[in-house]
Each structure stands twice: as C-alpha cells, then as structure tokens.
C-alpha atoms as a PDB file:
ATOM      1  CA  MET A   1    -191.729 125.789  28.391  1.00  0.00           C
ATOM      2  CA  LEU A   2    -193.085 127.846  25.521  1.00  0.00           C
ATOM      3  CA  PRO A   3    -196.519 126.965  24.121  1.00  0.00           C
ATOM      4  CA  THR A   4    -196.734 126.373  20.370  1.00  0.00           C
ATOM      5  CA  VAL A   5    -199.180 126.998  17.527  1.00  0.00           C
ATOM      6  CA  CYS A   6    -199.392 125.460  14.066  1.00  0.00           C
ATOM      7  CA  ILE A   7    -199.009 126.992  10.618  1.00  0.00           C
ATOM      8  CA  ASP A   8    -200.363 124.223   8.446  1.00  0.00           C
ATOM      9  CA  ASP A   9    -198.216 121.262   9.621  1.00  0.00           C
ATOM     10  CA  LEU A  10    -195.425 123.478  10.982  1.00  0.00           C
ATOM     11  CA  GLU A  11    -195.311 123.771  14.787  1.00  0.00           C
ATOM     12  CA  VAL A  12    -193.820 127.061  16.006  1.00  0.00           C
ATOM     13  CA  THR A  13    -193.328 128.544  19.454  1.00  0.00           C
ATOM     14  CA  ARG A  14    -195.563 131.494  20.327  1.00  0.00           C
ATOM     15  CA  LEU A  15    -192.402 133.556  20.778  1.00  0.00           C
ATOM     16  CA  ILE A  16    -190.358 133.644  17.566  1.00  0.00           C
ATOM     17  CA  LEU A  17    -186.908 135.222  17.279  1.00  0.00           C
ATOM     18  CA  GLY A  18    -186.962 138.150  14.834  1.00  0.00           C
ATOM     19  CA  GLY A  19    -184.058 139.005  12.557  1.00  0.00           C
ATOM     20  CA  ASN A  20    -184.077 142.792  12.103  1.00  0.00           C
ATOM     21  CA  PRO A  21    -181.255 143.434  14.622  1.00  0.00           C
ATOM     22  CA  PHE A  22    -179.181 140.741  12.877  1.00  0.00           C
ATOM     23  CA  SER A  23    -179.263 142.784   9.665  1.00  0.00           C
ATOM     24  CA  GLY A  24    -178.864 146.191  11.282  1.00  0.00           C
ATOM     25  CA  PHE A  25    -182.472 147.390  11.062  1.00  0.00           C
ATOM     26  CA  SER A  26    -183.066 149.082  14.418  1.00  0.00           C
ATOM     27  CA  HIS A  27    -185.876 151.425  13.299  1.00  0.00           C
ATOM     28  CA  GLN A  28    -184.294 153.858  15.772  1.00  0.00           C
ATOM     29  CA  SER A  29    -181.331 155.680  14.205  1.00  0.00           C
ATOM     30  CA  PRO A  30    -178.494 155.161  11.688  1.00  0.00           C
ATOM     31  CA  GLU A  31    -176.041 155.007  14.594  1.00  0.00           C
ATOM     32  CA  ARG A  32    -178.047 152.260  16.242  1.00  0.00           C
ATOM     33  CA  ASP A  33    -178.148 150.357  12.927  1.00  0.00           C
ATOM     34  CA  GLN A  34    -174.355 150.439  12.753  1.00  0.00           C
ATOM     35  CA  GLU A  35    -174.052 149.338  16.373  1.00  0.00           C
ATOM     36  CA  MET A  36    -176.158 146.259  15.659  1.00  0.00           C
ATOM     37  CA  MET A  37    -174.220 145.453  12.492  1.00  0.00           C
ATOM     38  CA  ASP A  38    -170.907 145.664  14.361  1.00  0.00           C
ATOM     39  CA  TYR A  39    -172.136 143.523  17.242  1.00  0.00           C
ATOM     40  CA  TYR A  40    -173.769 140.747  15.206  1.00  0.00           C
ATOM     41  CA  THR A  41    -170.798 139.030  13.644  1.00  0.00           C
ATOM     42  CA  VAL A  42    -171.443 135.617  12.096  1.00  0.00           C
ATOM     43  CA  ALA A  43    -170.105 133.983  15.260  1.00  0.00           C
ATOM     44  CA  ARG A  44    -172.481 135.988  17.463  1.00  0.00           C
ATOM     45  CA  LEU A  45    -175.420 135.314  15.146  1.00  0.00           C
ATOM     46  CA  LYS A  46    -174.884 131.574  15.435  1.00  0.00           C
ATOM     47  CA  GLU A  47    -174.399 131.862  19.188  1.00  0.00           C
ATOM     48  CA  THR A  48    -177.678 133.797  19.459  1.00  0.00           C
ATOM     49  CA  LEU A  49    -179.564 131.121  17.528  1.00  0.00           C
ATOM     50  CA  ARG A  50    -178.111 128.446  19.816  1.00  0.00           C
ATOM     51  CA  LYS A  51    -179.138 130.466  22.879  1.00  0.00           C
ATOM     52  CA  ALA A  52    -182.678 130.754  21.505  1.00  0.00           C
ATOM     53  CA  GLU A  53    -182.821 126.993  20.975  1.00  0.00           C
ATOM     54  CA  ALA A  54    -181.575 126.322  24.506  1.00  0.00           C
ATOM     55  CA  ALA A  55    -184.203 128.684  25.933  1.00  0.00           C
ATOM     56  CA  GLY A  56    -187.025 126.879  24.107  1.00  0.00           C
ATOM     57  CA  ILE A  57    -187.583 129.023  20.995  1.00  0.00           C
ATOM     58  CA  ASN A  58    -187.873 126.735  17.977  1.00  0.00           C
ATOM     59  CA  THR A  59    -188.332 129.273  15.140  1.00  0.00           C
ATOM     60  CA  THR A  60    -186.725 132.415  13.755  1.00  0.00           C
ATOM     61  CA  VAL A  61    -187.936 134.874  11.116  1.00  0.00           C
ATOM     62  CA  MET A  62    -185.115 136.421   9.093  1.00  0.00           C
ATOM     63  CA  ARG A  63    -184.506 138.036   5.745  1.00  0.00           C
ATOM     64  CA  SER A  64    -183.550 135.919   2.745  1.00  0.00           C
ATOM     65  CA  ASP A  65    -180.477 137.865   1.668  1.00  0.00           C
ATOM     66  CA  THR A  66    -177.122 136.216   0.922  1.00  0.00           C
ATOM     67  CA  HIS A  67    -175.609 137.242   4.265  1.00  0.00           C
ATOM     68  CA  ILE A  68    -178.313 135.460   6.271  1.00  0.00           C
ATOM     69  CA  GLN A  69    -178.317 132.379   4.050  1.00  0.00           C
ATOM     70  CA  ARG A  70    -174.544 132.020   4.273  1.00  0.00           C
ATOM     71  CA  MET A  71    -174.681 132.245   8.061  1.00  0.00           C
ATOM     72  CA  LEU A  72    -177.504 129.707   8.266  1.00  0.00           C
ATOM     73  CA  ARG A  73    -175.584 127.212   6.153  1.00  0.00           C
ATOM     74  CA  GLU A  74    -172.761 127.333   8.708  1.00  0.00           C
ATOM     75  CA  TYR A  75    -175.215 127.089  11.593  1.00  0.00           C
ATOM     76  CA  TYR A  76    -177.062 124.074  10.180  1.00  0.00           C
ATOM     77  CA  ASN A  77    -173.798 122.374   9.147  1.00  0.00           C
ATOM     78  CA  GLU A  78    -172.645 122.748  12.751  1.00  0.00           C
ATOM     79  CA  GLY A  79    -175.749 120.975  14.061  1.00  0.00           C
ATOM     80  CA  GLY A  80    -178.202 123.831  14.582  1.00  0.00           C
ATOM     81  CA  HIS A  81    -181.873 123.052  14.161  1.00  0.00           C
ATOM     82  CA  ILE A  82    -183.929 126.199  14.804  1.00  0.00           C
ATOM     83  CA  GLN A  83    -186.601 126.538  12.092  1.00  0.00           C
ATOM     84  CA  TRP A  84    -186.175 129.408   9.633  1.00  0.00           C
ATOM     85  CA  ILE A  85    -189.197 131.223   8.211  1.00  0.00           C
ATOM     86  CA  ALA A  86    -187.857 133.349   5.345  1.00  0.00           C
ATOM     87  CA  GLN A  87    -188.957 136.903   4.656  1.00  0.00           C
ATOM     88  CA  VAL A  88    -188.732 137.215   0.882  1.00  0.00           C
ATOM     89  CA  GLY A  89    -188.395 140.618  -0.728  1.00  0.00           C
ATOM     90  CA  HIS A  90    -186.425 142.547  -3.311  1.00  0.00           C
ATOM     91  CA  ASP A  91    -183.039 142.090  -1.656  1.00  0.00           C
ATOM     92  CA  SER A  92    -181.586 142.186  -5.166  1.00  0.00           C
ATOM     93  CA  GLU A  93    -183.419 143.809  -8.046  1.00  0.00           C
ATOM     94  CA  ALA A  94    -181.462 141.568 -10.407  1.00  0.00           C
ATOM     95  CA  PHE A  95    -183.517 138.532  -9.399  1.00  0.00           C
ATOM     96  CA  THR A  96    -187.191 137.661  -9.234  1.00  0.00           C
ATOM     97  CA  LEU A  97    -189.144 136.941  -6.068  1.00  0.00           C
ATOM     98  CA  GLU A  98    -189.532 133.374  -7.294  1.00  0.00           C
ATOM     99  CA  TRP A  99    -185.760 133.046  -7.461  1.00  0.00           C
ATOM    100  CA  ALA A 100    -185.485 134.429  -3.921  1.00  0.00           C
ATOM    101  CA  VAL A 101    -187.975 131.816  -2.693  1.00  0.00           C
ATOM    102  CA  ASP A 102    -186.018 129.038  -4.416  1.00  0.00           C
ATOM    103  CA  GLN A 103    -182.759 130.172  -2.822  1.00  0.00           C
ATOM    104  CA  ALA A 104    -184.300 130.417   0.643  1.00  0.00           C
ATOM    105  CA  VAL A 105    -185.700 126.891   0.419  1.00  0.00           C
ATOM    106  CA  ALA A 106    -182.365 125.563  -0.867  1.00  0.00           C
ATOM    107  CA  ASN A 107    -180.749 127.013   2.254  1.00  0.00           C
ATOM    108  CA  GLY A 108    -183.169 125.592   4.787  1.00  0.00           C
ATOM    109  CA  ALA A 109    -186.339 127.701   4.922  1.00  0.00           C
ATOM    110  CA  VAL A 110    -189.311 125.729   6.278  1.00  0.00           C
ATOM    111  CA  ALA A 111    -191.832 128.461   5.350  1.00  0.00           C
ATOM    112  CA  ALA A 112    -191.720 131.754   3.470  1.00  0.00           C
ATOM    113  CA  PHE A 113    -193.693 134.961   3.306  1.00  0.00           C
ATOM    114  CA  ILE A 114    -193.626 137.987   1.036  1.00  0.00           C
ATOM    115  CA  HIS A 115    -192.160 141.190   2.516  1.00  0.00           C
ATOM    116  CA  GLY A 116    -194.648 143.765   3.769  1.00  0.00           C
ATOM    117  CA  GLY A 117    -193.440 146.493   1.440  1.00  0.00           C
ATOM    118  CA  VAL A 118    -194.118 144.256  -1.560  1.00  0.00           C
ATOM    119  CA  VAL A 119    -197.573 143.278  -0.309  1.00  0.00           C
ATOM    120  CA  ASP A 120    -198.378 146.923   0.473  1.00  0.00           C
ATOM    121  CA  GLN A 121    -197.662 147.669  -3.195  1.00  0.00           C
ATOM    122  CA  PHE A 122    -199.824 144.757  -4.349  1.00  0.00           C
ATOM    123  CA  TYR A 123    -202.626 146.127  -2.161  1.00  0.00           C
ATOM    124  CA  SER A 124    -202.313 149.647  -3.581  1.00  0.00           C
ATOM    125  CA  GLU A 125    -202.531 148.184  -7.092  1.00  0.00           C
ATOM    126  CA  ARG A 126    -205.153 145.565  -6.089  1.00  0.00           C
ATOM    127  CA  ASN A 127    -202.833 143.038  -7.748  1.00  0.00           C
ATOM    128  CA  ALA A 128    -204.366 139.842  -6.373  1.00  0.00           C
ATOM    129  CA  LYS A 129    -203.150 137.817  -9.347  1.00  0.00           C
ATOM    130  CA  ARG A 130    -199.466 138.410  -8.635  1.00  0.00           C
ATOM    131  CA  LEU A 131    -199.918 137.663  -4.941  1.00  0.00           C
ATOM    132  CA  ALA A 132    -201.650 134.377  -5.744  1.00  0.00           C
ATOM    133  CA  GLU A 133    -198.836 133.436  -8.148  1.00  0.00           C
ATOM    134  CA  LEU A 134    -196.250 133.883  -5.414  1.00  0.00           C
ATOM    135  CA  MET A 135    -198.278 131.836  -2.932  1.00  0.00           C
ATOM    136  CA  ASP A 136    -198.489 129.043  -5.508  1.00  0.00           C
ATOM    137  CA  HIS A 137    -194.735 129.215  -6.097  1.00  0.00           C
ATOM    138  CA  ILE A 138    -193.961 128.929  -2.392  1.00  0.00           C
ATOM    139  CA  HIS A 139    -196.358 125.993  -2.148  1.00  0.00           C
ATOM    140  CA  SER A 140    -194.575 124.291  -5.043  1.00  0.00           C
ATOM    141  CA  HIS A 141    -191.794 123.640  -2.484  1.00  0.00           C
ATOM    142  CA  ASN A 142    -194.331 122.008  -0.118  1.00  0.00           C
ATOM    143  CA  ILE A 143    -193.895 124.621   2.599  1.00  0.00           C
ATOM    144  CA  PRO A 144    -196.379 127.109   4.136  1.00  0.00           C
ATOM    145  CA  ALA A 145    -196.825 130.423   2.327  1.00  0.00           C
ATOM    146  CA  GLY A 146    -197.615 133.767   3.912  1.00  0.00           C
ATOM    147  CA  VAL A 147    -197.892 137.507   3.408  1.00  0.00           C
ATOM    148  CA  ALA A 148    -196.646 140.406   5.516  1.00  0.00           C
ATOM    149  CA  GLY A 149    -197.928 143.960   5.392  1.00  0.00           C
ATOM    150  CA  HIS A 150    -197.688 147.192   7.344  1.00  0.00           C
ATOM    151  CA  ALA A 151    -201.267 148.497   7.169  1.00  0.00           C
ATOM    152  CA  PRO A 152    -204.266 146.603   8.584  1.00  0.00           C
ATOM    153  CA  GLN A 153    -206.144 147.420   5.382  1.00  0.00           C
ATOM    154  CA  ALA A 154    -203.607 145.469   3.320  1.00  0.00           C
ATOM    155  CA  HIS A 155    -204.088 142.438   5.541  1.00  0.00           C
ATOM    156  CA  LEU A 156    -207.865 142.610   5.470  1.00  0.00           C
ATOM    157  CA  TRP A 157    -207.666 142.803   1.668  1.00  0.00           C
ATOM    158  CA  ALA A 158    -205.385 139.753   1.550  1.00  0.00           C
ATOM    159  CA  ASN A 159    -207.631 137.939   4.009  1.00  0.00           C
ATOM    160  CA  GLN A 160    -210.593 138.002   1.646  1.00  0.00           C
ATOM    161  CA  LEU A 161    -208.698 137.024  -1.515  1.00  0.00           C
ATOM    162  CA  ASP A 162    -209.097 133.680  -3.235  1.00  0.00           C
ATOM    163  CA  ALA A 163    -205.394 132.996  -2.716  1.00  0.00           C
ATOM    164  CA  ASP A 164    -203.854 130.022  -0.944  1.00  0.00           C
ATOM    165  CA  ILE A 165    -202.397 131.904   2.032  1.00  0.00           C
ATOM    166  CA  ASP A 166    -201.420 129.880   5.112  1.00  0.00           C
ATOM    167  CA  PHE A 167    -200.459 132.684   7.487  1.00  0.00           C
ATOM    168  CA  GLN A 168    -200.210 136.459   7.735  1.00  0.00           C
ATOM    169  CA  VAL A 169    -197.440 138.536   9.320  1.00  0.00           C
ATOM    170  CA  VAL A 170    -199.039 141.649  10.803  1.00  0.00           C
ATOM    171  CA  CYS A 171    -197.173 144.748  11.981  1.00  0.00           C
ATOM    172  CA  PHE A 172    -198.454 146.374  15.187  1.00  0.00           C
ATOM    173  CA  TYR A 173    -197.360 149.764  13.807  1.00  0.00           C
ATOM    174  CA  ASN A 174    -198.050 150.970  10.279  1.00  0.00           C
ATOM    175  CA  CYS A 175    -194.375 151.659   9.583  1.00  0.00           C
ATOM    176  CA  GLY A 176    -194.827 151.354   5.866  1.00  0.00           C
ATOM    177  CA  SER A 177    -194.069 155.059   6.156  1.00  0.00           C
ATOM    178  CA  LEU A 178    -190.396 154.087   6.110  1.00  0.00           C
ATOM    179  CA  HIS A 179    -190.774 152.546   2.650  1.00  0.00           C
ATOM    180  CA  ASP A 180    -192.613 155.677   1.492  1.00  0.00           C
ATOM    181  CA  GLY A 181    -189.630 157.810   2.464  1.00  0.00           C
ATOM    182  CA  LYS A 182    -191.379 159.391   5.480  1.00  0.00           C
ATOM    183  CA  GLY A 183    -189.183 157.810   8.145  1.00  0.00           C
ATOM    184  CA  ASP A 184    -190.178 155.641  11.090  1.00  0.00           C
ATOM    185  CA  ILE A 185    -193.588 156.560  12.505  1.00  0.00           C
ATOM    186  CA  PHE A 186    -194.770 154.725  15.615  1.00  0.00           C
ATOM    187  CA  ASP A 187    -198.284 155.984  16.354  1.00  0.00           C
ATOM    188  CA  GLN A 188    -199.660 154.630  19.643  1.00  0.00           C
ATOM    189  CA  GLU A 189    -203.130 154.494  18.084  1.00  0.00           C
ATOM    190  CA  ALA A 190    -201.901 151.843  15.628  1.00  0.00           C
ATOM    191  CA  PRO A 191    -201.699 148.642  17.762  1.00  0.00           C
ATOM    192  CA  PRO A 192    -205.453 148.468  18.542  1.00  0.00           C
ATOM    193  CA  LYS A 193    -206.210 148.721  14.815  1.00  0.00           C
ATOM    194  CA  ALA A 194    -203.677 145.995  14.039  1.00  0.00           C
ATOM    195  CA  CYS A 195    -205.130 143.727  16.740  1.00  0.00           C
ATOM    196  CA  GLU A 196    -208.652 144.266  15.459  1.00  0.00           C
ATOM    197  CA  ALA A 197    -207.492 143.100  12.026  1.00  0.00           C
ATOM    198  CA  ILE A 198    -205.636 140.129  13.547  1.00  0.00           C
ATOM    199  CA  ARG A 199    -208.789 138.946  15.296  1.00  0.00           C
ATOM    200  CA  ARG A 200    -210.707 139.151  12.009  1.00  0.00           C
ATOM    201  CA  ILE A 201    -208.141 136.995  10.206  1.00  0.00           C
ATOM    202  CA  GLN A 202    -209.046 133.344  10.741  1.00  0.00           C
ATOM    203  CA  ARG A 203    -205.687 131.906   9.678  1.00  0.00           C
ATOM    204  CA  PRO A 204    -202.647 132.036  11.997  1.00  0.00           C
ATOM    205  CA  VAL A 205    -200.955 135.415  12.407  1.00  0.00           C
ATOM    206  CA  LEU A 206    -197.383 136.267  13.346  1.00  0.00           C
ATOM    207  CA  ALA A 207    -197.504 139.696  15.008  1.00  0.00           C
ATOM    208  CA  TYR A 208    -194.350 141.796  14.795  1.00  0.00           C
ATOM    209  CA  LYS A 209    -192.991 145.117  16.109  1.00  0.00           C
ATOM    210  CA  ILE A 210    -195.093 144.569  19.227  1.00  0.00           C
ATOM    211  CA  MET A 211    -192.535 146.641  21.190  1.00  0.00           C
ATOM    212  CA  GLY A 212    -192.424 149.443  18.634  1.00  0.00           C
ATOM    213  CA  ALA A 213    -188.755 148.664  17.891  1.00  0.00           C
ATOM    214  CA  GLY A 214    -187.736 149.116  21.520  1.00  0.00           C
ATOM    215  CA  ARG A 215    -190.106 151.956  22.365  1.00  0.00           C
ATOM    216  CA  ILE A 216    -192.408 149.866  24.590  1.00  0.00           C
ATOM    217  CA  GLU A 217    -191.318 148.094  27.792  1.00  0.00           C
ATOM    218  CA  PRO A 218    -191.162 144.305  27.125  1.00  0.00           C
ATOM    219  CA  ARG A 219    -193.584 143.023  29.789  1.00  0.00           C
ATOM    220  CA  GLN A 220    -196.152 145.659  28.868  1.00  0.00           C
ATOM    221  CA  ALA A 221    -195.779 144.789  25.183  1.00  0.00           C
ATOM    222  CA  PHE A 222    -196.088 141.036  25.738  1.00  0.00           C
ATOM    223  CA  GLN A 223    -199.109 141.422  28.015  1.00  0.00           C
ATOM    224  CA  TYR A 224    -200.885 143.654  25.524  1.00  0.00           C
ATOM    225  CA  ALA A 225    -200.082 141.405  22.571  1.00  0.00           C
ATOM    226  CA  PHE A 226    -201.171 138.122  24.115  1.00  0.00           C
ATOM    227  CA  SER A 227    -204.335 139.729  25.484  1.00  0.00           C
ATOM    228  CA  ASN A 228    -205.336 140.989  22.057  1.00  0.00           C
ATOM    229  CA  ILE A 229    -204.231 138.395  19.481  1.00  0.00           C
ATOM    230  CA  LYS A 230    -205.799 134.965  18.977  1.00  0.00           C
ATOM    231  CA  ASN A 231    -204.705 131.781  20.756  1.00  0.00           C
ATOM    232  CA  THR A 232    -203.576 130.472  17.362  1.00  0.00           C
ATOM    233  CA  ASP A 233    -201.157 133.378  16.832  1.00  0.00           C
ATOM    234  CA  ALA A 234    -197.511 134.039  17.747  1.00  0.00           C
ATOM    235  CA  VAL A 235    -195.272 137.088  18.137  1.00  0.00           C
ATOM    236  CA  VAL A 236    -191.976 137.827  16.379  1.00  0.00           C
ATOM    237  CA  VAL A 237    -189.489 139.797  18.476  1.00  0.00           C
ATOM    238  CA  GLY A 238    -186.033 140.989  17.463  1.00  0.00           C
ATOM    239  CA  MET A 239    -183.507 140.769  20.305  1.00  0.00           C
ATOM    240  CA  TYR A 240    -180.290 142.792  20.462  1.00  0.00           C
ATOM    241  CA  LEU A 241    -178.057 141.012  22.955  1.00  0.00           C
ATOM    242  CA  GLY A 242    -175.609 143.903  22.890  1.00  0.00           C
ATOM    243  CA  ASP A 243    -177.997 145.582  25.352  1.00  0.00           C
ATOM    244  CA  ASN A 244    -178.572 142.529  27.540  1.00  0.00           C
ATOM    245  CA  GLU A 245    -176.930 139.138  27.048  1.00  0.00           C
ATOM    246  CA  ASN A 246    -179.776 137.476  29.000  1.00  0.00           C
ATOM    247  CA  MET A 247    -182.544 139.041  26.902  1.00  0.00           C
ATOM    248  CA  ILE A 248    -183.623 135.797  25.233  1.00  0.00           C
ATOM    249  CA  GLU A 249    -184.013 133.867  28.478  1.00  0.00           C
ATOM    250  CA  GLU A 250    -185.812 136.779  30.164  1.00  0.00           C
ATOM    251  CA  ASN A 251    -188.243 137.178  27.260  1.00  0.00           C
ATOM    252  CA  VAL A 252    -188.983 133.455  27.172  1.00  0.00           C
ATOM    253  CA  GLN A 253    -189.750 133.501  30.893  1.00  0.00           C
ATOM    254  CA  MET A 254    -191.997 136.561  30.555  1.00  0.00           C
ATOM    255  CA  VAL A 255    -193.960 135.072  27.669  1.00  0.00           C
ATOM    256  CA  THR A 256    -194.341 131.714  29.423  1.00  0.00           C
ATOM    257  CA  ASP A 257    -195.580 133.397  32.619  1.00  0.00           C
ATOM    258  CA  ILE A 258    -198.014 135.667  30.768  1.00  0.00           C
ATOM    259  CA  ILE A 259    -199.521 132.887  28.651  1.00  0.00           C
ATOM    260  CA  ASN A 260    -199.802 130.493  31.597  1.00  0.00           C
ATOM    261  CA  ALA A 261    -201.447 133.198  33.714  1.00  0.00           C
ATOM    262  CA  GLY A 262    -203.958 133.962  30.967  1.00  0.00           C
END
C-alpha cells in the first residue's frame, strides 16, 4: 500500500521504521529509556521487523552498534528482508568512522549516513574535506551515502558542498541540544524551519522526529510532514510497541490515507 521514493537506485517506502526505541533512546526520560530497553529483547526486535515487513514497510533506519548488527544477522539468517539504512557514528571511540561503515556493510546495510552529531561538528568546524572523505568511503561499497544533522543550517551547508551526497536525514527539531549537554529541547517553532530547509534541498530527504519523540499526535504529525516535505522525501518514525502492539499497522494506514488524499 505504501508509496515509495528512490535514493539513487534504492527504493524505500515513504514511511521508514526508526530505530531509537530499539536502542532505548526515548528522548523523554531515563525511566522511559529503560522501559524501551527492557521491552525490546532480540526476539521482540525481530518480531517488530517482521511486522513492519508484513504491513508494507520495506526499510528501517537503525544505529550501527554491535547490538543492532548482531540482531540483524539473526534476522537475515532467519529469512528477513527489510532493508537496513545504517546510522554511522562514534559508537566506539576505539574505531574510526570508516571502520564502522565497513562493519555495517558487512552486516547487511544497503545505505549509510553519518550521525547528526558528527555532521553538526563538521559544520561548526566547516570541515567539508572530512565529510567528503566519508561520503567517498561509503560509496566505495557501492551503496548510497548520506548525512544527518540536527540544525537546518548544517543541512543547508552540506547541501551546497561539492561532496557526493545522495540523501540527507533532517531532524524536525533541533535536538542537537542533547549532544551539547543541554537536554532535550523540542521547540514548536523548529519544524517550519526544518521543512523550509528540506524544500531547498534538491536531493531526497529522510525527515525524522516528526512527532517530537511522542509529543505530537501521530495523525497531526503525519499530515503536517507530508504537506510540507517534497514528494521525493520519506519520514523515519520510531515505534514503541510496548504502548500499542498495533502501532505499525495503524501508522501505515494513516500514512497511506494521507498520501492518497493529498
């Protein structure tokens, strides 16, 4: 049922399953983080991916840490086929970002992008050279390469660089504040600024935190997002089935109805 868009030659559904709840990142409270970690056992993670497949979602965005890669190996060995776009960051300071890309690809990633906190730092330093090097390294595996970022300004900077970027992963809320030690800040004036930047970016965009980490009602969030991003863009939504075991199917139906009505 779900419409799709293309990132280079990769076809992805316009609703993508996000991975923050899988790794215990609620952006709500430490107690909520622990609740998600306890709920999402490896068995439940694999079950959730299978439910997403059955509902028509063909892609997930998840971290590239060892926990996720180990789970995905089991899932793929058991016949799973949802596409994994890897978020690559400093999950271990002992290894380079290039090494993290290599490991993600070895464990099934069909595309990779650099974590928003890393790209925010590149932007603050105006380090276009390092960003271009990482894009080239991802492309050396013959997969699409992208960049995330929390502030619209970081994305507009990346958009004008002479770097081989295939897609951008844009946050609706400038929650880079968390990485600056200021906690989670969800300013309701942020989404219009993010959407303005998204419409200025010609390449495909994956928009994330469209619900403000559970602070915005789903139908309202989906309607706003799909009314303000491009037809070539998709949204990434984390889903905590501990709240509602039918959440995936309900979200797929909402997105399908909203896009078809538009």
